[in-house]
């Protein structure tokens, strides 16, 4: 009897978990050329570090040897 109760309760939690609608709102982001980054951009890590720590933005990535920073629009 105890095993049936645990199984039923587990099934109920599974159904509740699966049917629960999760609403996630994501801020719109924009990407722009990092005007204070100097030199060619070879690694995403250096660009990301620059954008986060010097420009105080979300992140940064290299595109065509240029550093682009991402920020909320």
Protein backbone atom coordinates (compact mmCIF):
# COMPACT_ATOMS: atom_id res chain seq x y z
CA UNK A 1 0.00 0.00 0.00
CA UNK A 2 2.81 2.40 0.87
CA UNK A 3 4.51 1.85 -2.50
CA UNK A 4 1.27 2.66 -4.34
CA UNK A 5 0.90 5.91 -2.39
CA UNK A 6 4.47 6.96 -3.16
CA UNK A 7 4.02 6.06 -6.82
CA UNK A 8 0.75 7.99 -7.06
CA UNK A 9 2.24 11.01 -5.34
CA UNK A 10 5.30 10.90 -7.61
CA UNK A 11 3.04 10.67 -10.66
CA UNK A 12 1.02 13.66 -9.43
CA UNK A 13 4.17 15.76 -8.97
CA UNK A 14 5.37 14.72 -12.42
CA UNK A 15 2.08 15.79 -14.00
CA UNK A 16 2.14 19.11 -12.16
CA UNK A 17 5.74 19.72 -13.19
CA UNK A 18 5.12 18.92 -16.86
CA UNK A 19 1.93 20.96 -17.13
CA UNK A 20 3.28 24.00 -15.34
CA UNK A 21 3.78 26.83 -17.79
CA UNK A 22 7.03 28.68 -17.28
CA UNK A 23 7.10 32.22 -18.60
CA UNK A 24 10.56 33.59 -19.24
CA UNK A 25 11.01 37.17 -20.29
CA UNK A 26 14.27 38.00 -21.93
CA UNK A 27 15.54 41.52 -22.39
CA UNK A 28 16.22 42.56 -25.95
CA UNK A 29 19.92 42.94 -26.61
CA UNK A 30 21.85 44.96 -29.16
CA UNK A 31 25.40 44.50 -30.40
CA UNK A 32 27.70 47.35 -31.38
CA UNK A 33 31.34 47.92 -32.21
CA UNK A 34 33.45 48.50 -29.11
CA UNK A 35 34.87 51.95 -29.77
CA UNK A 36 37.44 51.80 -26.95
CA UNK A 37 38.88 48.36 -27.83
CA UNK A 38 42.33 48.77 -29.38
CA UNK A 39 43.96 46.41 -31.87
CA UNK A 40 42.67 43.37 -33.72
CA UNK A 41 40.32 41.07 -31.86
CA UNK A 42 41.74 37.53 -31.90
CA UNK A 43 40.03 35.95 -28.88
CA UNK A 44 36.49 36.28 -27.58
CA UNK A 45 37.87 36.18 -24.03
CA UNK A 46 39.78 39.46 -24.40
CA UNK A 47 36.82 41.17 -26.06
CA UNK A 48 34.41 39.82 -23.44
CA UNK A 49 36.69 41.01 -20.65
CA UNK A 50 36.92 44.48 -22.19
CA UNK A 51 33.16 44.81 -22.68
CA UNK A 52 32.31 43.58 -19.18
CA UNK A 53 35.01 45.33 -17.16
CA UNK A 54 35.82 48.52 -19.05
CA UNK A 55 32.59 49.31 -20.88
CA UNK A 56 30.35 47.75 -18.15
CA UNK A 57 28.19 45.90 -20.68
CA UNK A 58 26.82 42.33 -20.84
CA UNK A 59 29.40 40.56 -23.01
CA UNK A 60 31.63 40.79 -26.04
CA UNK A 61 32.63 38.68 -29.05
CA UNK A 62 35.02 39.01 -31.98
CA UNK A 63 33.68 39.37 -35.51
CA UNK A 64 36.07 39.90 -38.44
CA UNK A 65 38.93 40.88 -36.06
CA UNK A 66 36.76 43.55 -34.41
CA UNK A 67 35.34 43.53 -30.89
CA UNK A 68 31.57 43.88 -30.57
CA UNK A 69 29.87 44.46 -27.22
CA UNK A 70 26.37 43.32 -26.28
CA UNK A 71 24.09 45.49 -24.18
CA UNK A 72 20.41 45.71 -23.26
CA UNK A 73 18.43 47.86 -25.69
